[in-house]
Amino acid sequence: LIEIRTVIEKADGIDTRLVSDHMINLLQDVEGSLKHDKDKMLGMIDDY
């Protein structure tokens, strides 16, 4: 999860959508725009 968090945090204004569409992912709800939803996704990981 920290690896995923690092990629999200380091995303630099790119218009990319993070998708977690496989059941092997622990927090499958961590999805969204790396430009617009960074805080939401980082918050979900940090909460866990």
All heavy atoms as atom14 arrays in JSON, in Angstrom:
{
  "sequence": "LIEIRTVIEKADGIDTRLVSDHMINLLQDVEGSLKHDKDKMLGMIDDY",
  "atom14_mask": [
    [1, 1, 1, 1, 1, 1, 1, 1, 0, 0, 0, 0, 0, 0],
    [1, 1, 1, 1, 1, 1, 1, 1, 0, 0, 0, 0, 0, 0],
    [1, 1, 1, 1, 1, 1, 1, 1, 1, 0, 0, 0, 0, 0],
    [1, 1, 1, 1, 1, 1, 1, 1, 0, 0, 0, 0, 0, 0],
    [1, 1, 1, 1, 1, 1, 1, 1, 1, 1, 1, 0, 0, 0],
    [1, 1, 1, 1, 1, 1, 1, 0, 0, 0, 0, 0, 0, 0],
    [1, 1, 1, 1, 1, 1, 1, 0, 0, 0, 0, 0, 0, 0],
    [1, 1, 1, 1, 1, 1, 1, 1, 0, 0, 0, 0, 0, 0],
    [1, 1, 1, 1, 1, 1, 1, 1, 1, 0, 0, 0, 0, 0],
    [1, 1, 1, 1, 1, 1, 1, 1, 1, 0, 0, 0, 0, 0],
    [1, 1, 1, 1, 1, 0, 0, 0, 0, 0, 0, 0, 0, 0],
    [1, 1, 1, 1, 1, 1, 1, 1, 0, 0, 0, 0, 0, 0],
    [1, 1, 1, 1, 0, 0, 0, 0, 0, 0, 0, 0, 0, 0],
    [1, 1, 1, 1, 1, 1, 1, 1, 0, 0, 0, 0, 0, 0],
    [1, 1, 1, 1, 1, 1, 1, 1, 0, 0, 0, 0, 0, 0],
    [1, 1, 1, 1, 1, 1, 1, 0, 0, 0, 0, 0, 0, 0],
    [1, 1, 1, 1, 1, 1, 1, 1, 1, 1, 1, 0, 0, 0],
    [1, 1, 1, 1, 1, 1, 1, 1, 0, 0, 0, 0, 0, 0],
    [1, 1, 1, 1, 1, 1, 1, 0, 0, 0, 0, 0, 0, 0],
    [1, 1, 1, 1, 1, 1, 0, 0, 0, 0, 0, 0, 0, 0],
    [1, 1, 1, 1, 1, 1, 1, 1, 0, 0, 0, 0, 0, 0],
    [1, 1, 1, 1, 1, 1, 1, 1, 1, 1, 0, 0, 0, 0],
    [1, 1, 1, 1, 1, 1, 1, 1, 0, 0, 0, 0, 0, 0],
    [1, 1, 1, 1, 1, 1, 1, 1, 0, 0, 0, 0, 0, 0],
    [1, 1, 1, 1, 1, 1, 1, 1, 0, 0, 0, 0, 0, 0],
    [1, 1, 1, 1, 1, 1, 1, 1, 0, 0, 0, 0, 0, 0],
    [1, 1, 1, 1, 1, 1, 1, 1, 0, 0, 0, 0, 0, 0],
    [1, 1, 1, 1, 1, 1, 1, 1, 1, 0, 0, 0, 0, 0],
    [1, 1, 1, 1, 1, 1, 1, 1, 0, 0, 0, 0, 0, 0],
    [1, 1, 1, 1, 1, 1, 1, 0, 0, 0, 0, 0, 0, 0],
    [1, 1, 1, 1, 1, 1, 1, 1, 1, 0, 0, 0, 0, 0],
    [1, 1, 1, 1, 0, 0, 0, 0, 0, 0, 0, 0, 0, 0],
    [1, 1, 1, 1, 1, 1, 0, 0, 0, 0, 0, 0, 0, 0],
    [1, 1, 1, 1, 1, 1, 1, 1, 0, 0, 0, 0, 0, 0],
    [1, 1, 1, 1, 1, 1, 1, 1, 1, 0, 0, 0, 0, 0],
    [1, 1, 1, 1, 1, 1, 1, 1, 1, 1, 0, 0, 0, 0],
    [1, 1, 1, 1, 1, 1, 1, 1, 0, 0, 0, 0, 0, 0],
    [1, 1, 1, 1, 1, 1, 1, 1, 1, 0, 0, 0, 0, 0],
    [1, 1, 1, 1, 1, 1, 1, 1, 0, 0, 0, 0, 0, 0],
    [1, 1, 1, 1, 1, 1, 1, 1, 1, 0, 0, 0, 0, 0],
    [1, 1, 1, 1, 1, 1, 1, 1, 0, 0, 0, 0, 0, 0],
    [1, 1, 1, 1, 1, 1, 1, 1, 0, 0, 0, 0, 0, 0],
    [1, 1, 1, 1, 0, 0, 0, 0, 0, 0, 0, 0, 0, 0],
    [1, 1, 1, 1, 1, 1, 1, 1, 0, 0, 0, 0, 0, 0],
    [1, 1, 1, 1, 1, 1, 1, 1, 0, 0, 0, 0, 0, 0],
    [1, 1, 1, 1, 1, 1, 1, 1, 0, 0, 0, 0, 0, 0],
    [1, 1, 1, 1, 1, 1, 1, 1, 0, 0, 0, 0, 0, 0],
    [1, 1, 1, 1, 1, 1, 1, 1, 1, 1, 1, 1, 0, 0]
  ],
  "atom14_positions": [
    [[0.82, -1.21, 0.0], [0.0, 0.0, 0.0], [0.86, 1.26, 0.0], [0.51, 2.26, -0.64], [-0.93, 0.01, 1.21], [-2.16, -0.9, 1.14], [-2.89, -0.9, 2.47], [-3.09, -0.48, 0.02], [0.0, 0.0, 0.0], [0.0, 0.0, 0.0], [0.0, 0.0, 0.0], [0.0, 0.0, 0.0], [0.0, 0.0, 0.0], [0.0, 0.0, 0.0]],
    [[1.97, 1.22, 0.71], [2.88, 2.37, 0.71], [3.46, 2.6, -0.68], [3.66, 3.75, -1.1], [3.99, 2.17, 1.77], [3.39, 2.26, 3.18], [5.11, 3.19, 1.6], [4.33, 1.84, 4.29], [0.0, 0.0, 0.0], [0.0, 0.0, 0.0], [0.0, 0.0, 0.0], [0.0, 0.0, 0.0], [0.0, 0.0, 0.0], [0.0, 0.0, 0.0]],
    [[3.72, 1.54, -1.43], [4.17, 1.7, -2.82], [3.11, 2.42, -3.64], [3.42, 3.34, -4.41], [4.5, 0.33, -3.44], [5.75, -0.33, -2.88], [6.12, -1.59, -3.65], [5.69, -1.73, -4.82], [6.86, -2.43, -3.1], [0.0, 0.0, 0.0], [0.0, 0.0, 0.0], [0.0, 0.0, 0.0], [0.0, 0.0, 0.0], [0.0, 0.0, 0.0]],
    [[1.87, 1.99, -3.52], [0.77, 2.65, -4.25], [0.67, 4.11, -3.81], [0.52, 5.02, -4.64], [-0.57, 1.92, -4.0], [-0.5, 0.48, -4.52], [-1.72, 2.67, -4.68], [-1.68, -0.38, -4.11], [0.0, 0.0, 0.0], [0.0, 0.0, 0.0], [0.0, 0.0, 0.0], [0.0, 0.0, 0.0], [0.0, 0.0, 0.0], [0.0, 0.0, 0.0]],
    [[0.77, 4.32, -2.52], [0.69, 5.68, -1.98], [1.79, 6.57, -2.56], [1.55, 7.74, -2.9], [0.79, 5.65, -0.46], [0.49, 6.98, 0.2], [0.86, 7.02, 1.66], [0.28, 8.21, 2.29], [0.73, 9.45, 2.09], [1.78, 9.66, 1.3], [0.14, 10.47, 2.69], [0.0, 0.0, 0.0], [0.0, 0.0, 0.0], [0.0, 0.0, 0.0]],
    [[2.99, 6.02, -2.67], [4.11, 6.79, -3.2], [3.86, 7.23, -4.63], [4.12, 8.38, -5.0], [5.41, 5.97, -3.12], [5.7, 5.67, -1.74], [6.59, 6.73, -3.72], [0.0, 0.0, 0.0], [0.0, 0.0, 0.0], [0.0, 0.0, 0.0], [0.0, 0.0, 0.0], [0.0, 0.0, 0.0], [0.0, 0.0, 0.0], [0.0, 0.0, 0.0]],
    [[3.35, 6.29, -5.45], [3.06, 6.64, -6.86], [2.0, 7.74, -6.92], [2.13, 8.7, -7.69], [2.61, 5.4, -7.65], [2.24, 5.79, -9.08], [3.71, 4.35, -7.67], [0.0, 0.0, 0.0], [0.0, 0.0, 0.0], [0.0, 0.0, 0.0], [0.0, 0.0, 0.0], [0.0, 0.0, 0.0], [0.0, 0.0, 0.0], [0.0, 0.0, 0.0]],
    [[0.96, 7.61, -6.11], [-0.09, 8.64, -6.09], [0.49, 9.98, -5.67], [0.24, 11.02, -6.29], [-1.23, 8.23, -5.14], [-1.94, 6.96, -5.65], [-2.25, 9.36, -5.0], [-2.94, 6.38, -4.67], [0.0, 0.0, 0.0], [0.0, 0.0, 0.0], [0.0, 0.0, 0.0], [0.0, 0.0, 0.0], [0.0, 0.0, 0.0], [0.0, 0.0, 0.0]],
    [[1.27, 9.97, -4.6], [1.84, 11.21, -4.07], [2.79, 11.87, -5.06], [2.82, 13.1, -5.19], [2.57, 10.92, -2.77], [3.09, 12.15, -2.05], [3.76, 11.81, -0.74], [4.45, 10.77, -0.67], [3.58, 12.56, 0.22], [0.0, 0.0, 0.0], [0.0, 0.0, 0.0], [0.0, 0.0, 0.0], [0.0, 0.0, 0.0], [0.0, 0.0, 0.0]],
    [[3.57, 11.06, -5.8], [4.56, 11.59, -6.73], [3.96, 11.98, -8.08], [4.64, 12.6, -8.9], [5.67, 10.56, -6.96], [6.49, 10.21, -5.72], [7.37, 11.35, -5.29], [8.26, 10.96, -4.12], [9.1, 12.09, -3.66], [0.0, 0.0, 0.0], [0.0, 0.0, 0.0], [0.0, 0.0, 0.0], [0.0, 0.0, 0.0], [0.0, 0.0, 0.0]],
    [[2.72, 11.61, -8.34], [2.08, 11.98, -9.61], [2.09, 13.5, -9.75], [1.64, 14.21, -8.87], [0.66, 11.43, -9.66], [0.0, 0.0, 0.0], [0.0, 0.0, 0.0], [0.0, 0.0, 0.0], [0.0, 0.0, 0.0], [0.0, 0.0, 0.0], [0.0, 0.0, 0.0], [0.0, 0.0, 0.0], [0.0, 0.0, 0.0], [0.0, 0.0, 0.0]],
    [[2.6, 13.96, -10.88], [2.85, 15.39, -11.03], [1.96, 15.99, -12.12], [2.37, 16.2, -13.26], [4.33, 15.61, -11.38], [4.72, 17.07, -11.39], [3.94, 17.91, -10.89], [5.82, 17.39, -11.9], [0.0, 0.0, 0.0], [0.0, 0.0, 0.0], [0.0, 0.0, 0.0], [0.0, 0.0, 0.0], [0.0, 0.0, 0.0], [0.0, 0.0, 0.0]],
    [[0.69, 16.22, -11.76], [-0.22, 16.9, -12.67], [-0.66, 16.1, -13.87], [-1.2, 16.67, -14.82], [0.0, 0.0, 0.0], [0.0, 0.0, 0.0], [0.0, 0.0, 0.0], [0.0, 0.0, 0.0], [0.0, 0.0, 0.0], [0.0, 0.0, 0.0], [0.0, 0.0, 0.0], [0.0, 0.0, 0.0], [0.0, 0.0, 0.0], [0.0, 0.0, 0.0]],
    [[-0.44, 14.79, -13.86], [-0.81, 13.98, -15.02], [-2.29, 13.65, -15.0], [-2.9, 13.48, -13.94], [0.03, 12.69, -15.1], [-0.08, 11.88, -13.8], [1.47, 13.01, -15.41], [0.63, 10.53, -13.85], [0.0, 0.0, 0.0], [0.0, 0.0, 0.0], [0.0, 0.0, 0.0], [0.0, 0.0, 0.0], [0.0, 0.0, 0.0], [0.0, 0.0, 0.0]],
    [[-2.87, 13.55, -16.19], [-4.3, 13.31, -16.33], [-4.56, 11.81, -16.48], [-5.07, 11.34, -17.5], [-4.84, 14.08, -17.53], [-6.36, 14.13, -17.53], [-6.96, 13.91, -16.46], [-6.92, 14.37, -18.61], [0.0, 0.0, 0.0], [0.0, 0.0, 0.0], [0.0, 0.0, 0.0], [0.0, 0.0, 0.0], [0.0, 0.0, 0.0], [0.0, 0.0, 0.0]],
    [[-4.18, 11.05, -15.46], [-4.25, 9.59, -15.46], [-5.25, 9.12, -14.43], [-5.31, 9.68, -13.32], [-2.86, 8.98, -15.15], [-1.93, 9.37, -16.16], [-2.93, 7.47, -15.09], [0.0, 0.0, 0.0], [0.0, 0.0, 0.0], [0.0, 0.0, 0.0], [0.0, 0.0, 0.0], [0.0, 0.0, 0.0], [0.0, 0.0, 0.0], [0.0, 0.0, 0.0]],
    [[-6.0, 8.09, -14.74], [-6.96, 7.53, -13.78], [-6.4, 6.25, -13.18], [-6.08, 5.3, -13.91], [-8.31, 7.27, -14.42], [-9.33, 6.72, -13.43], [-10.74, 6.72, -13.95], [-11.67, 6.28, -12.91], [-12.12, 7.06, -11.92], [-11.74, 8.33, -11.88], [-12.95, 6.6, -11.0], [0.0, 0.0, 0.0], [0.0, 0.0, 0.0], [0.0, 0.0, 0.0]],
    [[-6.28, 6.2, -11.86], [-5.89, 4.98, -11.18], [-7.11, 4.07, -11.08], [-8.18, 4.49, -10.64], [-5.34, 5.29, -9.79], [-4.72, 4.13, -9.0], [-3.64, 4.64, -8.06], [-5.77, 3.35, -8.2], [0.0, 0.0, 0.0], [0.0, 0.0, 0.0], [0.0, 0.0, 0.0], [0.0, 0.0, 0.0], [0.0, 0.0, 0.0], [0.0, 0.0, 0.0]],
    [[-6.93, 2.81, -11.5], [-8.03, 1.84, -11.5], [-7.59, 0.62, -10.69], [-6.49, 0.1, -10.87], [-8.39, 1.41, -12.94], [-9.55, 0.41, -12.92], [-8.74, 2.62, -13.8], [0.0, 0.0, 0.0], [0.0, 0.0, 0.0], [0.0, 0.0, 0.0], [0.0, 0.0, 0.0], [0.0, 0.0, 0.0], [0.0, 0.0, 0.0], [0.0, 0.0, 0.0]],
    [[-8.48, 0.16, -9.81], [-8.2, -1.02, -8.99], [-9.29, -2.05, -9.26], [-10.19, -2.25, -8.46], [-8.16, -0.64, -7.51], [-7.86, -1.76, -6.71], [0.0, 0.0, 0.0], [0.0, 0.0, 0.0], [0.0, 0.0, 0.0], [0.0, 0.0, 0.0], [0.0, 0.0, 0.0], [0.0, 0.0, 0.0], [0.0, 0.0, 0.0], [0.0, 0.0, 0.0]],
    [[-9.2, -2.7, -10.42], [-10.3, -3.56, -10.88], [-9.97, -5.05, -10.78], [-10.3, -5.83, -11.66], [-10.7, -3.19, -12.3], [-9.55, -3.27, -13.3], [-8.4, -3.42, -12.86], [-9.81, -3.17, -14.51], [0.0, 0.0, 0.0], [0.0, 0.0, 0.0], [0.0, 0.0, 0.0], [0.0, 0.0, 0.0], [0.0, 0.0, 0.0], [0.0, 0.0, 0.0]],
    [[-9.31, -5.43, -9.69], [-9.03, -6.86, -9.48], [-9.14, -7.16, -7.99], [-8.67, -6.4, -7.15], [-7.64, -7.22, -9.98], [-7.48, -8.69, -10.26], [-7.48, -9.63, -9.27], [-7.3, -9.37, -11.43], [-7.32, -10.84, -9.8], [-7.21, -10.71, -11.1], [0.0, 0.0, 0.0], [0.0, 0.0, 0.0], [0.0, 0.0, 0.0], [0.0, 0.0, 0.0]],
    [[-9.72, -8.31, -7.66], [-9.99, -8.65, -6.27], [-8.72, -8.91, -5.47], [-8.76, -8.97, -4.23], [-10.91, -9.87, -6.2], [-10.3, -11.16, -6.69], [-11.49, -12.52, -6.55], [-11.8, -12.54, -4.79], [0.0, 0.0, 0.0], [0.0, 0.0, 0.0], [0.0, 0.0, 0.0], [0.0, 0.0, 0.0], [0.0, 0.0, 0.0], [0.0, 0.0, 0.0]],
    [[-7.57, -9.08, -6.11], [-6.34, -9.29, -5.34], [-5.85, -8.0, -4.69], [-4.98, -8.05, -3.82], [-5.22, -9.89, -6.21], [-4.86, -8.97, -7.38], [-5.57, -11.28, -6.69], [-3.65, -9.43, -8.16], [0.0, 0.0, 0.0], [0.0, 0.0, 0.0], [0.0, 0.0, 0.0], [0.0, 0.0, 0.0], [0.0, 0.0, 0.0], [0.0, 0.0, 0.0]],
    [[-6.39, -6.86, -5.08], [-6.0, -5.59, -4.44], [-6.69, -5.46, -3.09], [-7.89, -5.7, -2.97], [-6.36, -4.41, -5.34], [-5.62, -4.45, -6.66], [-4.52, -4.99, -6.75], [-6.22, -3.9, -7.7], [0.0, 0.0, 0.0], [0.0, 0.0, 0.0], [0.0, 0.0, 0.0], [0.0, 0.0, 0.0], [0.0, 0.0, 0.0], [0.0, 0.0, 0.0]],
    [[-5.95, -5.05, -2.09], [-6.48, -5.01, -0.73], [-7.54, -3.93, -0.57], [-8.62, -4.18, -0.02], [-5.34, -4.77, 0.27], [-5.72, -4.88, 1.74], [-6.04, -6.32, 2.1], [-4.59, -4.34, 2.63], [0.0, 0.0, 0.0], [0.0, 0.0, 0.0], [0.0, 0.0, 0.0], [0.0, 0.0, 0.0], [0.0, 0.0, 0.0], [0.0, 0.0, 0.0]],
    [[-7.25, -2.72, -1.03], [-8.2, -1.6, -0.93], [-8.69, -1.27, -2.33], [-8.17, -0.38, -3.0], [-7.54, -0.38, -0.28], [-7.01, -0.56, 1.15], [-6.43, 0.75, 1.66], [-8.11, -1.06, 2.09], [0.0, 0.0, 0.0], [0.0, 0.0, 0.0], [0.0, 0.0, 0.0], [0.0, 0.0, 0.0], [0.0, 0.0, 0.0], [0.0, 0.0, 0.0]],
    [[-9.71, -1.98, -2.77], [-10.16, -1.86, -4.15], [-10.89, -0.55, -4.41], [-11.07, -0.15, -5.57], [-11.06, -3.05, -4.51], [-11.12, -3.32, -6.01], [-11.69, -4.69, -6.32], [-11.79, -5.56, -5.47], [-12.08, -4.89, -7.58], [0.0, 0.0, 0.0], [0.0, 0.0, 0.0], [0.0, 0.0, 0.0], [0.0, 0.0, 0.0], [0.0, 0.0, 0.0]],
    [[-11.29, 0.15, -3.34], [-11.97, 1.43, -3.53], [-11.01, 2.59, -3.77], [-11.45, 3.71, -4.04], [-12.83, 1.76, -2.3], [-14.11, 0.93, -2.27], [-14.43, 0.3, -3.3], [-14.79, 0.92, -1.22], [0.0, 0.0, 0.0], [0.0, 0.0, 0.0], [0.0, 0.0, 0.0], [0.0, 0.0, 0.0], [0.0, 0.0, 0.0], [0.0, 0.0, 0.0]],
    [[-9.71, 2.33, -3.67], [-8.72, 3.39, -3.94], [-8.62, 3.55, -5.45], [-7.86, 2.88, -6.13], [-7.35, 3.07, -3.32], [-6.33, 4.15, -3.68], [-7.47, 2.97, -1.81], [0.0, 0.0, 0.0], [0.0, 0.0, 0.0], [0.0, 0.0, 0.0], [0.0, 0.0, 0.0], [0.0, 0.0, 0.0], [0.0, 0.0, 0.0], [0.0, 0.0, 0.0]],
    [[-9.44, 4.43, -5.98], [-9.5, 4.7, -7.41], [-9.75, 6.19, -7.62], [-10.3, 6.86, -6.75], [-10.64, 3.92, -8.09], [-10.46, 2.43, -8.13], [-11.5, 1.77, -9.04], [-12.69, 2.09, -8.9], [-11.12, 0.95, -9.88], [0.0, 0.0, 0.0], [0.0, 0.0, 0.0], [0.0, 0.0, 0.0], [0.0, 0.0, 0.0], [0.0, 0.0, 0.0]],
    [[-9.35, 6.67, -8.79], [-9.66, 8.06, -9.1], [-8.59, 8.72, -9.94], [-7.61, 8.09, -10.35], [0.0, 0.0, 0.0], [0.0, 0.0, 0.0], [0.0, 0.0, 0.0], [0.0, 0.0, 0.0], [0.0, 0.0, 0.0], [0.0, 0.0, 0.0], [0.0, 0.0, 0.0], [0.0, 0.0, 0.0], [0.0, 0.0, 0.0], [0.0, 0.0, 0.0]],
    [[-8.77, 10.0, -10.2], [-7.85, 10.77, -11.01], [-6.59, 11.11, -10.2], [-6.69, 11.59, -9.07], [-8.53, 12.07, -11.47], [-7.58, 12.99, -11.96], [0.0, 0.0, 0.0], [0.0, 0.0, 0.0], [0.0, 0.0, 0.0], [0.0, 0.0, 0.0], [0.0, 0.0, 0.0], [0.0, 0.0, 0.0], [0.0, 0.0, 0.0], [0.0, 0.0, 0.0]],
    [[-5.42, 10.86, -10.79], [-4.17, 11.22, -10.13], [-3.97, 12.73, -10.1], [-3.08, 13.21, -9.4], [-2.98, 10.55, -10.83], [-2.9, 9.02, -10.67], [-1.72, 8.46, -11.44], [-2.81, 8.63, -9.2], [0.0, 0.0, 0.0], [0.0, 0.0, 0.0], [0.0, 0.0, 0.0], [0.0, 0.0, 0.0], [0.0, 0.0, 0.0], [0.0, 0.0, 0.0]],
    [[-4.81, 13.45, -10.8], [-4.75, 14.91, -10.77], [-5.75, 15.49, -9.77], [-5.42, 16.39, -8.99], [-5.02, 15.5, -12.16], [-5.03, 17.03, -12.19], [-5.39, 17.57, -13.57], [-4.28, 17.37, -14.57], [-4.58, 18.03, -15.88], [0.0, 0.0, 0.0], [0.0, 0.0, 0.0], [0.0, 0.0, 0.0], [0.0, 0.0, 0.0], [0.0, 0.0, 0.0]],
    [[-6.96, 14.96, -9.77], [-8.04, 15.59, -9.01], [-8.4, 14.86, -7.71], [-9.02, 15.47, -6.83], [-9.29, 15.72, -9.86], [-9.07, 16.47, -11.14], [-8.77, 17.82, -11.17], [-9.1, 16.05, -12.45], [-8.63, 18.21, -12.43], [-8.82, 17.16, -13.22], [0.0, 0.0, 0.0], [0.0, 0.0, 0.0], [0.0, 0.0, 0.0], [0.0, 0.0, 0.0]],
    [[-8.05, 13.58, -7.6], [-8.5, 12.79, -6.45], [-7.36, 12.31, -5.55], [-7.52, 11.35, -4.8], [-9.3, 11.57, -6.94], [-10.52, 11.96, -7.75], [-11.21, 12.91, -7.35], [-10.77, 11.32, -8.79], [0.0, 0.0, 0.0], [0.0, 0.0, 0.0], [0.0, 0.0, 0.0], [0.0, 0.0, 0.0], [0.0, 0.0, 0.0], [0.0, 0.0, 0.0]],
    [[-6.22, 12.96, -5.64], [-5.06, 12.52, -4.88], [-5.34, 12.5, -3.38], [-5.06, 11.52, -2.69], [-3.84, 13.41, -5.17], [-3.24, 13.2, -6.54], [-2.05, 14.12, -6.77], [-0.88, 13.77, -5.9], [0.35, 14.48, -6.31], [0.0, 0.0, 0.0], [0.0, 0.0, 0.0], [0.0, 0.0, 0.0], [0.0, 0.0, 0.0], [0.0, 0.0, 0.0]],
    [[-5.86, 13.59, -2.86], [-6.09, 13.69, -1.41], [-7.06, 12.62, -0.93], [-6.86, 12.03, 0.15], [-6.61, 15.09, -1.05], [-5.56, 16.17, -1.21], [-4.35, 15.82, -1.28], [-5.92, 17.36, -1.28], [0.0, 0.0, 0.0], [0.0, 0.0, 0.0], [0.0, 0.0, 0.0], [0.0, 0.0, 0.0], [0.0, 0.0, 0.0], [0.0, 0.0, 0.0]],
    [[-8.09, 12.37, -1.69], [-9.07, 11.35, -1.31], [-8.41, 9.97, -1.24], [-8.59, 9.24, -0.25], [-10.22, 11.32, -2.31], [-11.3, 10.29, -2.0], [-12.23, 10.05, -3.18], [-11.55, 9.2, -4.25], [-12.49, 8.8, -5.33], [0.0, 0.0, 0.0], [0.0, 0.0, 0.0], [0.0, 0.0, 0.0], [0.0, 0.0, 0.0], [0.0, 0.0, 0.0]],
    [[-7.63, 9.62, -2.26], [-7.01, 8.3, -2.3], [-5.94, 8.16, -1.22], [-5.85, 7.12, -0.55], [-6.44, 8.04, -3.69], [-7.5, 7.89, -4.77], [-6.84, 7.36, -6.38], [-6.02, 8.86, -6.93], [0.0, 0.0, 0.0], [0.0, 0.0, 0.0], [0.0, 0.0, 0.0], [0.0, 0.0, 0.0], [0.0, 0.0, 0.0], [0.0, 0.0, 0.0]],
    [[-5.13, 9.2, -1.04], [-4.11, 9.16, 0.0], [-4.76, 9.03, 1.38], [-4.26, 8.3, 2.25], [-3.23, 10.41, -0.05], [-2.33, 10.55, -1.28], [-1.63, 11.9, -1.27], [-1.31, 9.42, -1.33], [0.0, 0.0, 0.0], [0.0, 0.0, 0.0], [0.0, 0.0, 0.0], [0.0, 0.0, 0.0], [0.0, 0.0, 0.0], [0.0, 0.0, 0.0]],
    [[-5.88, 9.71, 1.57], [-6.59, 9.64, 2.84], [-7.1, 8.24, 3.13], [-7.06, 7.77, 4.28], [0.0, 0.0, 0.0], [0.0, 0.0, 0.0], [0.0, 0.0, 0.0], [0.0, 0.0, 0.0], [0.0, 0.0, 0.0], [0.0, 0.0, 0.0], [0.0, 0.0, 0.0], [0.0, 0.0, 0.0], [0.0, 0.0, 0.0], [0.0, 0.0, 0.0]],
    [[-7.61, 7.56, 2.11], [-8.12, 6.19, 2.29], [-6.99, 5.25, 2.71], [-7.17, 4.4, 3.59], [-8.78, 5.71, 1.0], [-10.04, 6.47, 0.63], [-10.69, 6.01, -1.0], [-11.24, 4.35, -0.7], [0.0, 0.0, 0.0], [0.0, 0.0, 0.0], [0.0, 0.0, 0.0], [0.0, 0.0, 0.0], [0.0, 0.0, 0.0], [0.0, 0.0, 0.0]],
    [[-5.84, 5.4, 2.06], [-4.7, 4.54, 2.4], [-4.2, 4.86, 3.8], [-3.94, 3.95, 4.61], [-3.57, 4.72, 1.37], [-4.02, 4.18, 0.0], [-2.31, 3.99, 1.82], [-3.04, 4.45, -1.13], [0.0, 0.0, 0.0], [0.0, 0.0, 0.0], [0.0, 0.0, 0.0], [0.0, 0.0, 0.0], [0.0, 0.0, 0.0], [0.0, 0.0, 0.0]],
    [[-4.07, 6.14, 4.13], [-3.58, 6.54, 5.44], [-4.52, 6.09, 6.55], [-4.08, 5.69, 7.64], [-3.38, 8.05, 5.5], [-2.21, 8.52, 4.65], [-1.37, 7.67, 4.29], [-2.15, 9.73, 4.34], [0.0, 0.0, 0.0], [0.0, 0.0, 0.0], [0.0, 0.0, 0.0], [0.0, 0.0, 0.0], [0.0, 0.0, 0.0], [0.0, 0.0, 0.0]],
    [[-5.82, 6.16, 6.28], [-6.8, 5.71, 7.27], [-6.61, 4.23, 7.58], [-6.65, 3.81, 8.75], [-8.22, 5.97, 6.76], [-9.28, 5.41, 7.7], [-9.47, 6.01, 8.77], [-9.88, 4.37, 7.37], [0.0, 0.0, 0.0], [0.0, 0.0, 0.0], [0.0, 0.0, 0.0], [0.0, 0.0, 0.0], [0.0, 0.0, 0.0], [0.0, 0.0, 0.0]],
    [[-6.38, 3.44, 6.54], [-6.18, 2.01, 6.76], [-4.86, 1.75, 7.5], [-4.81, 0.97, 8.46], [-6.18, 1.25, 5.43], [-5.83, -0.2, 5.6], [-6.81, -1.11, 5.98], [-4.53, -0.65, 5.43], [-6.49, -2.45, 6.18], [-4.2, -1.98, 5.62], [-5.18, -2.88, 6.0], [-4.86, -4.2, 6.21], [0.0, 0.0, 0.0], [0.0, 0.0, 0.0]]
  ]
}
